[in-house]
Amino acid sequence: LKPLIIENAKHKWRGLNLPIVSRIIDSQLIDQECILIGLIYKEMKLRTSVLDEIRDGYNLSGTINALENYTSDSDQIYLEDESGRVHLLTNQLTNQLINLQNELVTGVIIGVRGKYLADTDGSFTIIDWVYSQQIVSSEKISNTKQDLPNDCSNCSFIAFISGLEIGNKSNETESSDDYLLVCQLLVDYLTGKIGGEIDRNISKNIVRIVLAGNSISLSDPLLTRDKEIAAQHKIVSSQAIKQFDILLSQLVSSCPVDLMPGPTDPSCHLLPQQPFHSSLLPYSIRFNTLNRLTNPSIQLLNDLSAGLSKTIVGHSGLPVDDIMVQTDRSMDGLSSQDLTINILRDTLQWGHIAPTAPDTLPCYPFTDNDPFILDKLPDIYFCGNQEDFNSQLVESYINDTTNYQTLLLSIPSFYLTRQIVLVDLITLTSYLISFQTDSYIDS
C-alpha cells in the first residue's frame, strides 16, 4: 500500500515540495514539515490484555466485564515502521483531526503530513493525512423502501443472505420447525416455486446466491460463553447441519451458490476461515454449482449471457464488528444503522479488509503477502450478519479523476430480520426483500 499512499500524497500536497521520510527514526533529524508513512498502533487503556483473558478464563481473580466500546479520552495513537515508533499528536488541533484519532484502529497504513514542535516532547503534530484510496460518497447512506420494478427481464440479480442460523434455539416464542418453514419459504421463493408472475420473473433472473456466514448455529449457547472454548470447539448439532444441507441442495440445484463460513459455522476461528468441509454437505456437494469460499472472500463473477464481469468482496461481519468496539464515531453524527456502511467505507479507504488482524482478530500468519489487502477496488463490498440493511454507492478518485464505483452493502441477519438483499449487477441497485411482510423494498 505504500506506493499508493506516496502517489496520493504527492498529488494532494503538490507544490509544497515536502520531503517523504523513508524511515520514521530519521524524521526527528528533519527540522521542517515532512511526510511520514507507517502503520497505526492505537493504545487503549480499557482494552483487556491477553493475560487478563487467561486470568479470567481460569478464574484466577474476579470476572472481567466486557465493554460495548473500548475507546476513552486517554487513548493514544502512534505511527510505526520497522525502524521505530512516534507518538502522533492530534488533540490540540481541529475537530476533524480529533475524529481521526477516534476512528483509527491498530493496523491502518496511513501517510501523515506534519512536523515536530518544540513543546510536544518528541510527538509528531499532524496537519493533514492521506490513505491508499481516495473515496468520496456519491450518494447518502440509504435504506429507503421502494418497490422492485415490475419488469425484471433486463435485470441480473445476485441474492445476498446471511445469518440463517439453522439450529438456533434462542427464540422461545418460535419453535425450530416454525423457523424451518420460513427458511423453506425463502428457498422456494429463490427457486421460483412460489409467488406470482412478477415473483417468478425475479427468481428467474437471479444469477447467483451468496450465503454470507452464520448459516448454522451453535447447538447450545450456554456451552460457548467462554471465548476460548467457543473458538476452538464448535459445538454444532448434526441435525442442524443435515437440515441446512437439505435446504442448500435445493438452492444449488437451480442456481450457483457461494457458501461462506461465519463465526457460528463449523469452521476454524482463524481468518481467513476455511471453506465448509465437503463431508458436512453430502447432498449439496454433488452439484458443481456449489462454490465453497473462505471468509473473507474475493470473487470475480463473470456472467457471459449478460456480458458482465464484477468483482465482489465481502465477509461475515467479524472485521466490522471488531472495528466498531474500538472506535468512537459519535462525533460524526451517525445513527447506529449507518455505522456498518461508515466502517466499510473506511476499510475501503485504508485498502484493507481486516486491519485489526492479528491484533484483536485471530488470523493465520502470512509472511510473503497479506490476503486482506484491497489493491483493486471491488464493484460490490458487503458485510453480513448485521442488525439492519443499508447501502451506499461510493467513488474512488485518482488525481481528482473518477476511477471506480463501489456499492457498499450491510446485509441483515435473516434469523433476526427475515430479510435478504438483491442487487442488480447491471445498475448496482440494491433491493431488500422481507419474508415477514411480503413487501419488496428498493434502496
Protein backbone atom coordinates (compact mmCIF):
# COMPACT_ATOMS: atom_id res chain seq x y z
CA LEU A 1 0.00 0.00 0.00
CA LYS A 2 2.95 2.36 0.49
CA PRO A 3 3.39 3.18 -3.24
CA LEU A 4 -0.30 4.13 -3.47
CA ILE A 5 -0.01 6.37 -0.40
CA ILE A 6 3.11 8.06 -1.81
CA GLU A 7 1.30 8.73 -5.10
CA ASN A 8 -1.75 10.19 -3.34
CA ALA A 9 0.45 12.26 -1.00
CA LYS A 10 2.42 13.76 -3.90
CA HIS A 11 -0.80 14.72 -5.66
CA LYS A 12 -2.63 16.04 -2.61
CA TRP A 13 0.28 18.18 -1.41
CA ARG A 14 1.71 19.04 -4.82
CA GLY A 15 3.57 22.32 -4.95
CA LEU A 16 4.66 22.15 -1.30
CA ASN A 17 7.86 20.19 -2.03
CA LEU A 18 7.57 18.25 1.23
CA PRO A 19 10.17 15.53 1.86
CA ILE A 20 8.84 11.98 2.24
CA VAL A 21 10.87 10.39 5.03
CA SER A 22 11.68 6.76 4.26
CA ARG A 23 12.21 5.74 7.91
CA ILE A 24 10.41 7.15 10.94
CA ILE A 25 13.58 7.12 13.04
CA ASP A 26 15.19 9.56 10.58
CA SER A 27 12.30 12.04 10.77
CA GLN A 28 13.49 13.54 14.06
CA LEU A 29 16.55 14.89 12.25
CA ILE A 30 14.37 16.97 9.91
CA ASP A 31 13.57 20.44 11.24
CA GLN A 32 10.72 21.18 8.83
CA GLU A 33 7.32 19.98 7.72
CA CYS A 34 7.52 16.49 6.21
CA ILE A 35 5.53 13.37 5.31
CA LEU A 36 5.69 10.12 7.28
CA ILE A 37 4.22 6.80 6.15
CA GLY A 38 3.66 3.91 8.51
CA LEU A 39 1.31 1.67 10.44
CA ILE A 40 -1.01 2.92 13.17
CA TYR A 41 -0.83 1.49 16.68
CA LYS A 42 -3.68 2.56 18.98
CA GLU A 43 -3.07 2.37 22.70
CA MET A 44 -6.37 1.76 24.50
CA LYS A 45 -6.45 1.68 28.30
CA LEU A 46 -9.85 -0.03 28.51
CA ARG A 47 -8.99 -2.94 26.23
CA THR A 48 -8.23 -6.14 28.09
CA SER A 49 -4.90 -7.83 27.52
CA VAL A 50 -4.25 -11.48 26.73
CA LEU A 51 -3.11 -12.04 30.32
CA ASP A 52 -6.41 -10.63 31.59
CA GLU A 53 -8.36 -13.05 29.38
CA ILE A 54 -6.28 -16.02 30.58
CA ARG A 55 -6.75 -14.97 34.19
CA ASP A 56 -10.50 -14.61 33.62
CA GLY A 57 -10.71 -17.98 31.86
CA TYR A 58 -9.08 -19.81 34.76
CA ASN A 59 -10.94 -17.81 37.43
CA LEU A 60 -7.72 -16.56 39.00
CA SER A 61 -9.46 -13.34 40.02
CA GLY A 62 -12.80 -11.63 39.68
CA THR A 63 -14.53 -11.68 36.31
CA ILE A 64 -13.74 -9.03 33.73
CA ASN A 65 -16.78 -7.22 32.39
CA ALA A 66 -16.86 -6.98 28.61
CA LEU A 67 -17.49 -3.45 27.36
CA GLU A 68 -19.54 -2.45 24.34
CA ASN A 69 -16.84 0.06 23.38
CA TYR A 70 -13.20 0.29 24.46
CA THR A 71 -12.46 3.89 23.49
CA SER A 72 -11.70 6.59 26.05
CA ASP A 73 -10.26 10.10 26.25
CA SER A 74 -6.90 8.64 27.29
CA ASP A 75 -6.39 6.72 24.01
CA GLN A 76 -3.17 7.50 22.13
CA ILE A 77 -2.16 6.76 18.53
CA TYR A 78 1.34 6.02 17.29
CA LEU A 79 2.89 5.67 13.84
CA GLU A 80 5.45 2.91 13.44
CA ASP A 81 7.56 1.11 10.88
CA GLU A 82 10.49 -1.31 11.05
CA SER A 83 12.78 1.45 12.35
CA GLY A 84 10.76 2.82 15.26
CA ARG A 85 7.61 4.46 16.58
CA VAL A 86 6.48 8.06 17.08
CA HIS A 87 3.52 9.47 19.00
CA LEU A 88 1.01 11.34 16.83
CA LEU A 89 -0.45 14.48 18.37
CA THR A 90 -3.99 15.45 17.35
CA ASN A 91 -5.76 16.69 20.48
CA GLN A 92 -4.58 20.31 20.11
CA LEU A 93 -5.93 20.70 16.61
CA THR A 94 -9.26 20.77 14.78
CA ASN A 95 -12.30 18.57 15.40
CA GLN A 96 -11.55 16.80 12.12
CA LEU A 97 -8.21 15.62 13.49
CA ILE A 98 -9.81 14.62 16.79
CA ASN A 99 -12.23 12.49 14.74
CA LEU A 100 -9.22 10.91 13.05
CA GLN A 101 -7.90 9.66 16.39
CA ASN A 102 -11.32 8.28 17.36
CA GLU A 103 -11.84 6.48 14.04
CA LEU A 104 -8.42 4.90 13.51
CA VAL A 105 -7.57 1.37 14.67
CA THR A 106 -4.36 -0.58 15.01
CA GLY A 107 -3.14 -1.88 11.65
CA VAL A 108 -4.14 1.01 9.36
CA ILE A 109 -1.48 2.17 6.88
CA ILE A 110 -1.50 5.96 6.62
CA GLY A 111 0.54 8.89 5.37
CA VAL A 112 0.64 11.95 7.66
CA ARG A 113 1.85 15.47 6.98
CA GLY A 114 3.19 17.44 9.93
CA LYS A 115 6.24 18.44 11.94
CA TYR A 116 7.90 18.18 15.32
CA LEU A 117 7.13 21.14 17.60
CA ALA A 118 9.40 22.26 20.41
CA ASP A 119 6.82 21.89 23.20
CA THR A 120 5.41 18.45 22.28
CA ASP A 121 8.03 16.17 23.92
CA GLY A 122 9.02 14.50 20.67
CA SER A 123 5.47 13.98 19.37
CA PHE A 124 4.73 14.48 15.68
CA THR A 125 1.97 17.05 15.22
CA ILE A 126 -0.40 16.16 12.36
CA ILE A 127 -1.57 18.80 9.89
CA ASP A 128 -3.18 16.51 7.30
CA TRP A 129 -3.25 12.86 6.27
CA VAL A 130 -3.83 10.57 3.29
CA TYR A 131 -4.78 6.91 2.71
CA SER A 132 -4.11 4.47 -0.11
CA GLN A 133 -7.52 5.21 -1.69
CA GLN A 134 -9.43 8.47 -2.11
CA ILE A 135 -13.09 7.59 -1.52
CA VAL A 136 -15.98 10.02 -1.93
CA SER A 137 -19.63 9.17 -1.27
CA SER A 138 -21.66 9.71 -4.43
CA GLU A 139 -24.92 9.29 -2.51
CA LYS A 140 -26.17 9.27 1.07
CA ILE A 141 -26.38 6.07 3.10
CA SER A 142 -29.75 4.66 2.15
CA ASN A 143 -32.32 2.23 3.46
CA THR A 144 -35.20 3.84 1.58
CA LYS A 145 -38.09 1.46 0.99
CA GLN A 146 -39.46 1.29 -2.56
CA ASP A 147 -40.82 -1.43 -4.78
CA LEU A 148 -38.87 -3.62 -7.14
CA PRO A 149 -39.54 -2.94 -10.83
CA ASN A 150 -42.41 -4.93 -12.31
CA ASP A 151 -40.36 -5.79 -15.40
CA CYS A 152 -37.11 -7.53 -14.40
CA SER A 153 -36.42 -9.12 -17.77
CA ASN A 154 -33.31 -6.97 -18.27
CA CYS A 155 -32.00 -7.44 -14.72
CA SER A 156 -29.29 -9.78 -13.45
CA PHE A 157 -29.73 -10.23 -9.71
CA ILE A 158 -27.36 -11.59 -7.11
CA ALA A 159 -29.00 -12.56 -3.81
CA PHE A 160 -27.18 -11.95 -0.51
CA ILE A 161 -28.29 -13.95 2.53
CA SER A 162 -26.60 -14.04 5.93
CA GLY A 163 -27.37 -15.40 9.37
CA LEU A 164 -29.72 -18.29 8.58
CA GLU A 165 -28.58 -19.84 11.88
CA ILE A 166 -30.22 -23.22 11.33
CA GLY A 167 -30.46 -24.88 14.76
CA ASN A 168 -30.68 -21.67 16.80
CA LYS A 169 -32.92 -22.28 19.83
CA SER A 170 -32.65 -18.87 21.49
CA ASN A 171 -36.10 -17.70 20.33
CA GLU A 172 -38.56 -19.00 22.92
CA THR A 173 -41.61 -17.73 21.02
CA GLU A 174 -40.83 -19.69 17.85
CA SER A 175 -40.13 -23.39 17.50
CA SER A 176 -37.35 -24.77 15.32
CA ASP A 177 -39.94 -26.30 12.98
CA ASP A 178 -41.66 -22.93 12.50
CA TYR A 179 -38.36 -21.28 11.61
CA LEU A 180 -37.52 -24.09 9.18
CA LEU A 181 -40.80 -23.32 7.40
CA VAL A 182 -39.66 -19.70 7.00
CA CYS A 183 -36.33 -20.92 5.58
CA GLN A 184 -38.17 -23.26 3.21
CA LEU A 185 -40.32 -20.32 2.10
CA LEU A 186 -37.10 -18.44 1.31
CA VAL A 187 -35.73 -21.36 -0.70
CA ASP A 188 -38.99 -21.83 -2.60
CA TYR A 189 -39.08 -18.14 -3.46
CA LEU A 190 -35.49 -18.09 -4.75
CA THR A 191 -36.05 -21.22 -6.84
CA GLY A 192 -39.29 -19.87 -8.34
CA LYS A 193 -41.63 -22.43 -6.80
CA ILE A 194 -43.97 -19.91 -5.16
CA GLY A 195 -45.28 -16.42 -5.88
CA GLY A 196 -46.98 -14.74 -8.79
CA GLU A 197 -45.70 -13.93 -12.24
CA ILE A 198 -43.62 -10.97 -11.00
CA ASP A 199 -42.02 -13.10 -8.26
CA ARG A 200 -41.13 -15.87 -10.69
CA ASN A 201 -39.70 -13.30 -13.09
CA ILE A 202 -37.45 -12.04 -10.28
CA SER A 203 -36.27 -15.52 -9.29
CA LYS A 204 -35.67 -16.40 -12.95
CA ASN A 205 -33.20 -13.52 -13.20
CA ILE A 206 -31.19 -14.41 -10.08
CA VAL A 207 -27.80 -15.43 -11.48
CA ARG A 208 -26.09 -16.16 -8.15
CA ILE A 209 -26.76 -16.57 -4.43
CA VAL A 210 -24.26 -15.64 -1.71
CA LEU A 211 -24.63 -17.14 1.77
CA ALA A 212 -22.53 -14.75 3.86
CA GLY A 213 -21.84 -16.75 7.01
CA ASN A 214 -23.61 -18.00 10.15
CA SER A 215 -25.71 -20.47 8.18
CA ILE A 216 -25.63 -22.91 11.10
CA SER A 217 -25.97 -22.03 14.78
CA LEU A 218 -24.22 -23.45 17.81
CA SER A 219 -26.43 -26.07 19.41
CA ASP A 220 -26.28 -24.67 22.95
CA PRO A 221 -25.26 -21.03 23.60
CA LEU A 222 -24.68 -21.83 27.30
CA LEU A 223 -21.74 -24.04 26.36
CA THR A 224 -19.97 -21.28 24.43
CA ARG A 225 -19.77 -18.42 26.92
CA ASP A 226 -16.04 -18.93 27.26
CA LYS A 227 -14.50 -17.33 24.16
CA GLU A 228 -11.61 -19.80 24.02
CA ILE A 229 -13.93 -22.80 24.11
CA ALA A 230 -16.24 -21.21 21.54
CA ALA A 231 -13.35 -20.56 19.18
CA GLN A 232 -11.65 -23.94 19.43
CA HIS A 233 -14.57 -26.30 19.94
CA LYS A 234 -17.54 -25.53 17.71
CA ILE A 235 -20.44 -27.46 19.21
CA VAL A 236 -22.73 -27.87 16.25
CA SER A 237 -25.78 -30.06 16.10
CA SER A 238 -25.54 -32.77 13.45
CA GLN A 239 -29.27 -32.37 12.89
CA ALA A 240 -28.83 -28.67 12.11
CA ILE A 241 -26.09 -29.47 9.57
CA LYS A 242 -28.34 -32.02 7.87
CA GLN A 243 -31.26 -29.57 7.74
CA PHE A 244 -29.05 -26.89 6.24
CA ASP A 245 -27.64 -29.34 3.68
CA ILE A 246 -31.16 -30.23 2.54
CA LEU A 247 -32.08 -26.56 2.08
CA LEU A 248 -28.78 -25.80 0.35
CA SER A 249 -29.17 -28.73 -2.06
CA GLN A 250 -32.44 -27.20 -3.28
CA LEU A 251 -30.71 -23.88 -3.98
CA VAL A 252 -27.69 -25.32 -5.81
CA SER A 253 -29.98 -27.45 -7.98
CA SER A 254 -31.33 -24.28 -9.60
CA CYS A 255 -28.65 -21.59 -9.22
CA PRO A 256 -24.91 -21.17 -8.46
CA VAL A 257 -24.35 -20.62 -4.73
CA ASP A 258 -21.32 -19.13 -2.96
CA LEU A 259 -21.11 -20.53 0.58
CA MET A 260 -19.04 -18.66 3.16
CA PRO A 261 -18.47 -19.73 6.78
CA GLY A 262 -19.09 -17.46 9.76
CA PRO A 263 -18.31 -17.40 13.49
CA THR A 264 -21.10 -19.88 14.33
CA ASP A 265 -20.39 -22.29 11.46
CA PRO A 266 -18.30 -25.48 11.69
CA SER A 267 -15.04 -23.91 10.55
CA CYS A 268 -11.79 -22.75 12.13
CA HIS A 269 -11.82 -19.45 14.03
CA LEU A 270 -8.68 -18.06 12.35
CA LEU A 271 -9.15 -15.62 9.47
CA PRO A 272 -9.48 -16.34 6.66
CA GLN A 273 -11.93 -19.01 7.80
CA GLN A 274 -11.61 -22.09 5.63
CA PRO A 275 -14.49 -23.34 3.45
CA PHE A 276 -17.09 -25.83 4.66
CA HIS A 277 -15.71 -29.35 4.53
CA SER A 278 -17.33 -31.40 1.78
CA SER A 279 -18.20 -34.22 4.21
CA LEU A 280 -20.61 -31.89 6.03
CA LEU A 281 -22.71 -31.39 2.89
CA PRO A 282 -23.28 -34.83 1.30
CA TYR A 283 -26.38 -33.72 -0.66
CA SER A 284 -25.18 -30.32 -1.88
CA ILE A 285 -21.61 -31.32 -2.74
CA ARG A 286 -22.87 -33.41 -5.66
CA PHE A 287 -23.70 -30.22 -7.58
CA ASN A 288 -20.92 -28.33 -9.34
CA THR A 289 -22.89 -25.11 -8.77
CA LEU A 290 -21.80 -25.09 -5.11
CA ASN A 291 -18.80 -22.82 -4.61
CA ARG A 292 -17.29 -23.15 -1.12
CA LEU A 293 -15.46 -19.93 -0.21
CA THR A 294 -13.26 -18.66 2.57
CA ASN A 295 -14.27 -15.83 4.89
CA PRO A 296 -13.41 -13.11 3.86
CA SER A 297 -13.62 -13.87 0.16
CA ILE A 298 -12.82 -12.18 -3.14
CA GLN A 299 -14.84 -13.36 -6.12
CA LEU A 300 -14.75 -12.50 -9.82
CA LEU A 301 -18.23 -13.02 -11.24
CA ASN A 302 -18.46 -13.47 -14.99
CA ASP A 303 -21.97 -13.61 -16.46
CA LEU A 304 -21.36 -14.31 -20.13
CA SER A 305 -25.04 -14.17 -21.03
CA ALA A 306 -25.35 -10.61 -19.72
CA GLY A 307 -21.81 -9.58 -20.65
CA LEU A 308 -20.98 -8.74 -17.03
CA SER A 309 -17.74 -9.00 -15.10
CA LYS A 310 -17.92 -7.91 -11.46
CA THR A 311 -15.54 -8.21 -8.53
CA ILE A 312 -17.32 -9.00 -5.26
CA VAL A 313 -15.56 -8.76 -1.90
CA GLY A 314 -17.13 -9.44 1.48
CA HIS A 315 -17.09 -11.14 4.84
CA SER A 316 -19.44 -12.41 7.53
CA GLY A 317 -19.12 -9.27 9.67
CA LEU A 318 -16.25 -10.03 12.08
CA PRO A 319 -13.86 -7.25 10.89
CA VAL A 320 -16.60 -4.60 11.07
CA ASP A 321 -17.80 -5.75 14.50
CA ASP A 322 -14.22 -5.65 15.81
CA ILE A 323 -13.60 -2.13 14.47
CA MET A 324 -16.92 -0.94 15.89
CA VAL A 325 -15.91 -1.66 19.50
CA GLN A 326 -12.52 0.05 19.05
CA THR A 327 -13.71 3.34 17.54
CA ASP A 328 -15.94 6.20 18.62
CA ARG A 329 -17.93 7.62 15.72
CA SER A 330 -20.43 9.61 17.76
CA MET A 331 -18.86 12.91 16.66
CA ASP A 332 -19.79 12.10 13.06
CA GLY A 333 -23.48 12.23 13.98
CA LEU A 334 -24.10 8.74 12.61
CA SER A 335 -27.04 6.60 13.61
CA SER A 336 -26.45 3.02 14.70
CA GLN A 337 -27.82 1.87 11.33
CA ASP A 338 -25.18 3.86 9.43
CA LEU A 339 -22.15 2.59 11.36
CA THR A 340 -21.60 -0.54 9.26
CA ILE A 341 -21.51 1.38 5.97
CA ASN A 342 -19.26 4.03 7.52
CA ILE A 343 -16.76 1.38 8.64
CA LEU A 344 -16.91 -0.40 5.27
CA ARG A 345 -16.10 2.91 3.57
CA ASP A 346 -13.17 3.45 5.94
CA THR A 347 -11.70 -0.01 5.27
CA LEU A 348 -12.04 0.73 1.56
CA GLN A 349 -10.02 3.93 2.06
CA TRP A 350 -7.48 2.08 4.18
CA GLY A 351 -7.13 -0.58 1.48
CA HIS A 352 -7.51 -3.40 4.00
CA ILE A 353 -10.47 -5.66 4.81
CA ALA A 354 -9.38 -6.54 8.37
CA PRO A 355 -6.77 -4.09 9.69
CA THR A 356 -7.19 -5.24 13.31
CA ALA A 357 -5.97 -8.76 12.47
CA PRO A 358 -3.95 -10.24 14.10
CA ASP A 359 -4.03 -7.68 16.94
CA THR A 360 -7.60 -8.37 18.07
CA LEU A 361 -8.83 -10.67 15.30
CA PRO A 362 -7.07 -14.06 15.15
CA CYS A 363 -5.68 -14.89 11.72
CA TYR A 364 -3.22 -17.21 10.04
CA PRO A 365 0.40 -15.98 9.96
CA PHE A 366 1.40 -14.78 6.48
CA THR A 367 5.00 -13.96 5.63
CA ASP A 368 5.03 -13.21 1.90
CA ASN A 369 1.73 -11.41 1.34
CA ASP A 370 -1.36 -10.12 3.12
CA PRO A 371 -4.57 -11.66 1.68
CA PHE A 372 -6.74 -8.92 3.22
CA ILE A 373 -5.21 -6.06 1.21
CA LEU A 374 -7.51 -4.39 -1.34
CA ASP A 375 -5.08 -3.44 -4.09
CA LYS A 376 -8.00 -3.07 -6.51
CA LEU A 377 -11.41 -1.73 -5.58
CA PRO A 378 -14.35 -4.15 -5.95
CA ASP A 379 -17.70 -3.49 -7.61
CA ILE A 380 -19.58 -4.77 -4.55
CA TYR A 381 -18.24 -4.75 -0.99
CA PHE A 382 -20.54 -6.40 1.56
CA CYS A 383 -20.69 -7.22 5.25
CA GLY A 384 -23.02 -9.94 6.56
CA ASN A 385 -24.88 -10.64 9.81
CA GLN A 386 -25.75 -7.04 10.64
CA GLU A 387 -28.78 -5.75 12.52
CA ASP A 388 -30.03 -3.55 9.66
CA PHE A 389 -29.88 -3.18 5.91
CA ASN A 390 -28.03 -0.22 4.42
CA SER A 391 -26.33 0.59 1.14
CA GLN A 392 -24.22 3.34 -0.36
CA LEU A 393 -22.54 3.95 -3.70
CA VAL A 394 -19.06 5.46 -3.37
CA GLU A 395 -16.49 6.64 -5.91
CA SER A 396 -12.71 6.45 -5.86
CA TYR A 397 -10.51 9.18 -7.28
CA ILE A 398 -7.02 9.14 -8.76
CA ASN A 399 -5.55 12.61 -9.37
CA ASP A 400 -9.01 14.21 -8.98
CA THR A 401 -10.46 11.95 -11.70
CA THR A 402 -13.25 9.45 -11.03
CA ASN A 403 -11.76 5.99 -11.29
CA TYR A 404 -14.24 3.45 -9.93
CA GLN A 405 -17.63 2.99 -8.31
CA THR A 406 -18.25 0.56 -5.45
CA LEU A 407 -21.53 -0.47 -3.86
CA LEU A 408 -21.28 -0.87 -0.08
CA LEU A 409 -23.80 -3.29 1.44
CA SER A 410 -24.82 -4.07 5.00
CA ILE A 411 -26.57 -7.47 4.83
CA PRO A 412 -29.07 -8.06 7.67
CA SER A 413 -29.17 -11.31 9.61
CA PHE A 414 -32.03 -13.41 8.24
CA TYR A 415 -32.66 -15.02 11.63
CA LEU A 416 -33.18 -11.61 13.25
CA THR A 417 -34.91 -9.72 10.43
CA ARG A 418 -36.27 -12.29 7.92
CA GLN A 419 -34.71 -10.16 5.18
CA ILE A 420 -32.40 -10.76 2.21
CA VAL A 421 -30.84 -8.37 -0.31
CA LEU A 422 -30.97 -8.47 -4.10
CA VAL A 423 -28.51 -6.46 -6.19
CA ASP A 424 -28.94 -5.77 -9.88
CA LEU A 425 -25.46 -6.32 -11.31
CA ILE A 426 -26.20 -4.07 -14.29
CA THR A 427 -27.18 -0.92 -12.37
CA LEU A 428 -25.73 -1.79 -8.90
CA THR A 429 -29.14 -1.04 -7.41
CA SER A 430 -29.92 -2.92 -4.19
CA TYR A 431 -33.32 -4.18 -3.08
CA LEU A 432 -34.49 -5.55 0.25
CA ILE A 433 -36.96 -8.44 0.41
CA SER A 434 -38.77 -9.22 3.65
CA PHE A 435 -40.37 -12.58 4.37
CA GLN A 436 -42.45 -11.21 7.22
CA THR A 437 -44.49 -8.62 5.35
CA ASP A 438 -44.06 -9.98 1.80
CA SER A 439 -43.02 -6.50 0.73
CA TYR A 440 -40.23 -5.62 -1.65
CA ILE A 441 -38.04 -2.72 -0.74
CA ASP A 442 -35.72 -0.82 -3.07
CA SER A 443 -32.75 1.06 -1.69
